[in-house]
Amino acid sequence: MRSENLKKSRIRRNYRARRKIFGSPERPRMTVFRSGRHIYVQIIDDYAGVTLASSSTRCKGVREDVTYGGNSGAAEVIGTSIAKQALNVGIKCVSFDRNGYKYHGRVKALADAARKAGLAF
C-alpha cells in the first residue's frame, strides 16, 4: 500500500515537471529512472520521439565496472558513460529530467558525474 502511494506521488511530481521540460533537437531531455537495484538514463529528442543515447547499470560495458547498481558509485559510472555517449553523438547541452525523484543521492551523483565529463545542463 505504501509503495503504491509513493509511486503515485512520484508520477504526479513527474507530470508537473514535464509540463516545463521538453527535449528538442538542439537541447534533448536527459531522463533518469532508478529502481532498487539499478539506475537507467536516456537522452531523448521529444519532437522526433527518438532515444539518442542510453546507459544503465545493466549494460554490458558498465557491468564490469559496477558490482551493485543501486548505489551512488554506480550512478557516477552511469553519468560518465552517458556523457561520453552524448558527446560522441554530438550532444553538448541537455535538459535534466529527474523524473519526479528528489535531487540527492544517486540522482545527484549521476548529474554531477555527467557535468564533470563535459555535459552541460
N, C-alpha and C. Protein backbone atom coordinates (compact mmCIF):
# COMPACT_ATOMS: atom_id res chain seq x y z
N MET A 1 0.82 -1.19 0.00
CA MET A 1 0.00 0.00 0.00
C MET A 1 0.86 1.26 0.00
N ARG A 2 1.86 1.29 0.90
CA ARG A 2 2.72 2.45 0.98
C ARG A 2 3.52 2.66 -0.29
N SER A 3 4.03 1.58 -0.87
CA SER A 3 4.84 1.70 -2.09
C SER A 3 3.98 2.21 -3.26
N GLU A 4 2.71 1.81 -3.28
CA GLU A 4 1.83 2.31 -4.34
C GLU A 4 1.63 3.82 -4.22
N ASN A 5 1.46 4.31 -2.99
CA ASN A 5 1.29 5.74 -2.77
C ASN A 5 2.54 6.51 -3.13
N LEU A 6 3.72 5.96 -2.80
CA LEU A 6 4.97 6.62 -3.15
C LEU A 6 5.13 6.70 -4.66
N LYS A 7 4.78 5.62 -5.36
CA LYS A 7 4.89 5.61 -6.81
C LYS A 7 3.93 6.63 -7.43
N LYS A 8 2.70 6.68 -6.92
CA LYS A 8 1.72 7.64 -7.44
C LYS A 8 2.20 9.08 -7.20
N SER A 9 2.79 9.34 -6.04
CA SER A 9 3.29 10.68 -5.74
C SER A 9 4.42 11.06 -6.68
N ARG A 10 5.32 10.13 -6.96
CA ARG A 10 6.43 10.40 -7.88
C ARG A 10 5.92 10.68 -9.28
N ILE A 11 4.95 9.92 -9.72
CA ILE A 11 4.39 10.11 -11.05
C ILE A 11 3.69 11.47 -11.13
N ARG A 12 2.99 11.87 -10.07
CA ARG A 12 2.33 13.16 -10.05
C ARG A 12 3.35 14.30 -10.12
N ARG A 13 4.44 14.17 -9.36
CA ARG A 13 5.52 15.17 -9.43
C ARG A 13 6.14 15.21 -10.82
N ASN A 14 6.28 14.05 -11.44
CA ASN A 14 6.86 13.98 -12.78
C ASN A 14 5.97 14.69 -13.79
N TYR A 15 4.67 14.53 -13.71
CA TYR A 15 3.76 15.23 -14.62
C TYR A 15 3.89 16.74 -14.49
N ARG A 16 4.02 17.21 -13.27
CA ARG A 16 4.18 18.66 -13.06
C ARG A 16 5.47 19.16 -13.70
N ALA A 17 6.53 18.42 -13.54
CA ALA A 17 7.83 18.84 -14.09
C ALA A 17 7.84 18.74 -15.61
N ARG A 18 7.18 17.73 -16.17
CA ARG A 18 7.21 17.53 -17.62
C ARG A 18 6.45 18.60 -18.38
N ARG A 19 5.61 19.38 -17.70
CA ARG A 19 4.96 20.49 -18.38
C ARG A 19 5.98 21.54 -18.79
N LYS A 20 7.09 21.60 -18.06
CA LYS A 20 8.11 22.61 -18.31
C LYS A 20 9.30 22.07 -19.10
N ILE A 21 9.58 20.78 -19.00
CA ILE A 21 10.76 20.19 -19.62
C ILE A 21 10.33 19.45 -20.89
N PHE A 22 10.93 19.83 -22.02
CA PHE A 22 10.63 19.16 -23.29
C PHE A 22 11.92 19.12 -24.10
N GLY A 23 12.26 17.94 -24.58
CA GLY A 23 13.51 17.77 -25.31
C GLY A 23 13.40 18.18 -26.76
N SER A 24 14.26 19.04 -27.21
CA SER A 24 14.30 19.48 -28.61
C SER A 24 15.55 18.90 -29.26
N PRO A 25 15.66 19.00 -30.59
CA PRO A 25 16.88 18.51 -31.24
C PRO A 25 18.13 19.27 -30.79
N GLU A 26 17.99 20.58 -30.47
CA GLU A 26 19.14 21.36 -30.02
C GLU A 26 19.49 21.05 -28.56
N ARG A 27 18.46 20.78 -27.74
CA ARG A 27 18.66 20.52 -26.32
C ARG A 27 17.76 19.36 -25.90
N PRO A 28 18.20 18.10 -26.13
CA PRO A 28 17.36 16.95 -25.78
C PRO A 28 17.22 16.78 -24.27
N ARG A 29 16.27 15.97 -23.89
CA ARG A 29 15.95 15.73 -22.48
C ARG A 29 16.71 14.50 -21.98
N MET A 30 17.40 14.65 -20.86
CA MET A 30 18.08 13.52 -20.22
C MET A 30 17.24 13.09 -19.03
N THR A 31 16.63 11.93 -19.11
CA THR A 31 15.74 11.46 -18.06
C THR A 31 16.36 10.30 -17.29
N VAL A 32 16.07 10.25 -16.00
CA VAL A 32 16.65 9.27 -15.08
C VAL A 32 15.53 8.41 -14.51
N PHE A 33 15.76 7.10 -14.44
CA PHE A 33 14.87 6.21 -13.70
C PHE A 33 15.73 5.39 -12.77
N ARG A 34 15.31 5.31 -11.53
CA ARG A 34 16.06 4.48 -10.59
C ARG A 34 15.13 3.46 -9.95
N SER A 35 15.61 2.25 -9.85
CA SER A 35 14.90 1.21 -9.12
C SER A 35 15.75 0.86 -7.91
N GLY A 36 15.36 -0.12 -7.18
CA GLY A 36 16.12 -0.50 -6.00
C GLY A 36 17.49 -1.06 -6.33
N ARG A 37 17.61 -1.73 -7.48
CA ARG A 37 18.85 -2.39 -7.84
C ARG A 37 19.64 -1.72 -8.96
N HIS A 38 18.98 -0.91 -9.78
CA HIS A 38 19.64 -0.37 -10.96
C HIS A 38 19.28 1.10 -11.16
N ILE A 39 20.02 1.76 -12.05
CA ILE A 39 19.72 3.12 -12.45
C ILE A 39 19.85 3.19 -13.97
N TYR A 40 18.90 3.88 -14.59
CA TYR A 40 18.83 3.97 -16.04
C TYR A 40 18.78 5.44 -16.43
N VAL A 41 19.38 5.79 -17.57
CA VAL A 41 19.34 7.16 -18.07
C VAL A 41 19.25 7.13 -19.59
N GLN A 42 18.42 8.04 -20.13
CA GLN A 42 18.25 8.14 -21.57
C GLN A 42 18.32 9.59 -21.98
N ILE A 43 18.80 9.84 -23.18
CA ILE A 43 18.75 11.17 -23.77
C ILE A 43 17.76 11.08 -24.93
N ILE A 44 16.69 11.90 -24.85
CA ILE A 44 15.54 11.75 -25.74
C ILE A 44 15.27 13.05 -26.49
N ASP A 45 15.02 12.94 -27.79
CA ASP A 45 14.51 14.04 -28.60
C ASP A 45 13.00 13.87 -28.66
N ASP A 46 12.25 14.72 -27.95
CA ASP A 46 10.80 14.57 -27.86
C ASP A 46 10.08 14.94 -29.14
N TYR A 47 10.64 15.79 -29.98
CA TYR A 47 10.00 16.14 -31.24
C TYR A 47 9.93 14.93 -32.16
N ALA A 48 11.05 14.23 -32.29
CA ALA A 48 11.10 13.05 -33.15
C ALA A 48 10.65 11.79 -32.43
N GLY A 49 10.64 11.82 -31.09
CA GLY A 49 10.27 10.63 -30.32
C GLY A 49 11.34 9.56 -30.39
N VAL A 50 12.61 9.98 -30.36
CA VAL A 50 13.73 9.08 -30.55
C VAL A 50 14.68 9.15 -29.36
N THR A 51 15.17 8.00 -28.94
CA THR A 51 16.21 7.94 -27.92
C THR A 51 17.56 8.07 -28.62
N LEU A 52 18.31 9.10 -28.25
CA LEU A 52 19.59 9.37 -28.91
C LEU A 52 20.74 8.62 -28.25
N ALA A 53 20.67 8.43 -26.94
CA ALA A 53 21.71 7.70 -26.20
C ALA A 53 21.09 7.14 -24.94
N SER A 54 21.61 6.03 -24.46
CA SER A 54 21.10 5.46 -23.22
C SER A 54 22.20 4.67 -22.53
N SER A 55 22.05 4.56 -21.22
CA SER A 55 23.00 3.80 -20.43
C SER A 55 22.31 3.34 -19.16
N SER A 56 22.76 2.24 -18.62
CA SER A 56 22.20 1.74 -17.37
C SER A 56 23.22 0.81 -16.72
N THR A 57 22.93 0.44 -15.50
CA THR A 57 23.82 -0.48 -14.80
C THR A 57 23.66 -1.90 -15.33
N ARG A 58 22.73 -2.11 -16.24
CA ARG A 58 22.53 -3.43 -16.83
C ARG A 58 23.23 -3.57 -18.18
N CYS A 59 23.81 -2.50 -18.71
CA CYS A 59 24.52 -2.55 -19.99
C CYS A 59 25.80 -3.37 -19.85
N LYS A 60 26.18 -4.06 -20.92
CA LYS A 60 27.35 -4.92 -20.87
C LYS A 60 28.63 -4.16 -20.56
N GLY A 61 28.83 -3.00 -21.14
CA GLY A 61 30.06 -2.24 -20.93
C GLY A 61 30.21 -1.71 -19.52
N VAL A 62 29.10 -1.55 -18.83
CA VAL A 62 29.12 -0.96 -17.49
C VAL A 62 29.15 -2.03 -16.40
N ARG A 63 28.62 -3.20 -16.71
CA ARG A 63 28.52 -4.25 -15.69
C ARG A 63 29.87 -4.65 -15.09
N GLU A 64 30.93 -4.53 -15.90
CA GLU A 64 32.25 -4.90 -15.38
C GLU A 64 32.75 -3.89 -14.35
N ASP A 65 32.35 -2.61 -14.50
CA ASP A 65 32.82 -1.56 -13.61
C ASP A 65 32.00 -1.46 -12.33
N VAL A 66 30.79 -2.01 -12.33
CA VAL A 66 29.86 -1.84 -11.21
C VAL A 66 29.54 -3.19 -10.61
N THR A 67 29.72 -3.31 -9.29
CA THR A 67 29.37 -4.55 -8.63
C THR A 67 27.90 -4.57 -8.22
N TYR A 68 27.39 -3.42 -7.77
CA TYR A 68 25.99 -3.29 -7.38
C TYR A 68 25.45 -2.00 -7.97
N GLY A 69 24.31 -2.07 -8.64
CA GLY A 69 23.80 -0.93 -9.38
C GLY A 69 22.95 0.03 -8.60
N GLY A 70 22.69 -0.23 -7.33
CA GLY A 70 21.78 0.61 -6.57
C GLY A 70 22.46 1.57 -5.61
N ASN A 71 23.67 2.03 -5.93
CA ASN A 71 24.34 2.97 -5.03
C ASN A 71 24.90 4.16 -5.81
N SER A 72 25.43 5.13 -5.10
CA SER A 72 25.92 6.36 -5.73
C SER A 72 27.14 6.12 -6.61
N GLY A 73 27.96 5.16 -6.25
CA GLY A 73 29.13 4.85 -7.07
C GLY A 73 28.72 4.38 -8.46
N ALA A 74 27.70 3.55 -8.53
CA ALA A 74 27.19 3.09 -9.82
C ALA A 74 26.59 4.25 -10.60
N ALA A 75 25.92 5.16 -9.92
CA ALA A 75 25.31 6.32 -10.58
C ALA A 75 26.39 7.21 -11.20
N GLU A 76 27.53 7.35 -10.53
CA GLU A 76 28.63 8.13 -11.09
C GLU A 76 29.17 7.50 -12.37
N VAL A 77 29.29 6.18 -12.38
CA VAL A 77 29.76 5.48 -13.57
C VAL A 77 28.79 5.67 -14.73
N ILE A 78 27.49 5.61 -14.44
CA ILE A 78 26.47 5.79 -15.47
C ILE A 78 26.48 7.23 -15.98
N GLY A 79 26.66 8.20 -15.09
CA GLY A 79 26.73 9.60 -15.51
C GLY A 79 27.88 9.86 -16.46
N THR A 80 29.04 9.29 -16.15
CA THR A 80 30.20 9.42 -17.04
C THR A 80 29.95 8.73 -18.37
N SER A 81 29.34 7.56 -18.32
CA SER A 81 29.06 6.79 -19.53
C SER A 81 28.10 7.52 -20.46
N ILE A 82 27.03 8.08 -19.92
CA ILE A 82 26.05 8.77 -20.77
C ILE A 82 26.64 10.05 -21.34
N ALA A 83 27.49 10.72 -20.58
CA ALA A 83 28.12 11.94 -21.10
C ALA A 83 29.04 11.61 -22.26
N LYS A 84 29.80 10.54 -22.17
CA LYS A 84 30.69 10.13 -23.27
C LYS A 84 29.88 9.78 -24.52
N GLN A 85 28.77 9.04 -24.33
CA GLN A 85 27.92 8.68 -25.47
C GLN A 85 27.32 9.93 -26.11
N ALA A 86 26.87 10.86 -25.29
CA ALA A 86 26.25 12.08 -25.81
C ALA A 86 27.26 12.91 -26.59
N LEU A 87 28.46 13.04 -26.07
CA LEU A 87 29.48 13.82 -26.77
C LEU A 87 29.88 13.15 -28.08
N ASN A 88 29.88 11.81 -28.12
CA ASN A 88 30.18 11.10 -29.36
C ASN A 88 29.10 11.34 -30.42
N VAL A 89 27.86 11.49 -29.99
CA VAL A 89 26.74 11.73 -30.91
C VAL A 89 26.69 13.20 -31.32
N GLY A 90 27.33 14.08 -30.55
CA GLY A 90 27.35 15.50 -30.86
C GLY A 90 26.45 16.34 -29.98
N ILE A 91 26.04 15.78 -28.85
CA ILE A 91 25.17 16.49 -27.91
C ILE A 91 26.05 17.06 -26.81
N LYS A 92 25.97 18.38 -26.60
CA LYS A 92 26.77 19.03 -25.56
C LYS A 92 25.91 19.58 -24.44
N CYS A 93 24.63 19.86 -24.72
CA CYS A 93 23.75 20.51 -23.76
C CYS A 93 22.42 19.76 -23.71
N VAL A 94 21.93 19.45 -22.52
CA VAL A 94 20.68 18.71 -22.34
C VAL A 94 19.81 19.39 -21.28
N SER A 95 18.54 19.02 -21.25
CA SER A 95 17.63 19.39 -20.17
C SER A 95 17.56 18.20 -19.22
N PHE A 96 17.77 18.42 -17.94
CA PHE A 96 17.81 17.32 -16.99
C PHE A 96 16.42 17.07 -16.42
N ASP A 97 15.90 15.87 -16.64
CA ASP A 97 14.60 15.45 -16.13
C ASP A 97 14.83 14.42 -15.04
N ARG A 98 14.62 14.82 -13.79
CA ARG A 98 14.89 13.90 -12.69
C ARG A 98 13.73 12.94 -12.45
N ASN A 99 12.67 13.06 -13.25
CA ASN A 99 11.60 12.07 -13.29
C ASN A 99 10.83 11.98 -11.97
N GLY A 100 10.72 13.08 -11.25
CA GLY A 100 9.96 13.09 -10.01
C GLY A 100 10.75 12.70 -8.78
N TYR A 101 12.01 12.32 -8.95
CA TYR A 101 12.85 11.94 -7.81
C TYR A 101 13.46 13.19 -7.20
N LYS A 102 13.76 13.13 -5.92
CA LYS A 102 14.45 14.24 -5.27
C LYS A 102 15.87 14.33 -5.81
N TYR A 103 16.41 15.55 -5.85
CA TYR A 103 17.75 15.76 -6.36
C TYR A 103 18.76 15.56 -5.23
N HIS A 104 18.99 14.32 -4.88
CA HIS A 104 20.02 13.96 -3.91
C HIS A 104 20.35 12.50 -4.11
N GLY A 105 21.40 12.05 -3.48
CA GLY A 105 21.78 10.64 -3.57
C GLY A 105 22.22 10.24 -4.96
N ARG A 106 21.60 9.19 -5.48
CA ARG A 106 22.01 8.64 -6.77
C ARG A 106 21.74 9.59 -7.92
N VAL A 107 20.62 10.32 -7.87
CA VAL A 107 20.28 11.24 -8.95
C VAL A 107 21.30 12.38 -9.01
N LYS A 108 21.68 12.90 -7.85
CA LYS A 108 22.67 13.97 -7.79
C LYS A 108 24.05 13.47 -8.23
N ALA A 109 24.41 12.26 -7.81
CA ALA A 109 25.71 11.70 -8.20
C ALA A 109 25.79 11.52 -9.71
N LEU A 110 24.72 11.05 -10.33
CA LEU A 110 24.68 10.88 -11.77
C LEU A 110 24.82 12.22 -12.48
N ALA A 111 24.10 13.23 -12.02
CA ALA A 111 24.15 14.55 -12.65
C ALA A 111 25.52 15.18 -12.50
N ASP A 112 26.11 15.09 -11.32
CA ASP A 112 27.44 15.67 -11.11
C ASP A 112 28.50 14.99 -11.99
N ALA A 113 28.41 13.65 -12.11
CA ALA A 113 29.38 12.93 -12.94
C ALA A 113 29.22 13.29 -14.41
N ALA A 114 27.98 13.47 -14.86
CA ALA A 114 27.75 13.85 -16.27
C ALA A 114 28.29 15.25 -16.53
N ARG A 115 28.11 16.17 -15.58
CA ARG A 115 28.65 17.53 -15.74
C ARG A 115 30.17 17.50 -15.78
N LYS A 116 30.75 16.70 -14.89
CA LYS A 116 32.21 16.62 -14.83
C LYS A 116 32.79 16.03 -16.11
N ALA A 117 32.04 15.14 -16.77
CA ALA A 117 32.51 14.51 -18.01
C ALA A 117 32.30 15.39 -19.23
N GLY A 118 31.66 16.57 -19.07
CA GLY A 118 31.58 17.52 -20.17
C GLY A 118 30.18 17.83 -20.68
N LEU A 119 29.15 17.27 -20.06
CA LEU A 119 27.78 17.56 -20.49
C LEU A 119 27.26 18.78 -19.76
N ALA A 120 26.60 19.68 -20.45
CA ALA A 120 26.11 20.93 -19.84
C ALA A 120 24.60 20.87 -19.63
N PHE A 121 24.16 21.21 -18.42
CA PHE A 121 22.74 21.38 -18.11
C PHE A 121 22.59 22.12 -16.81
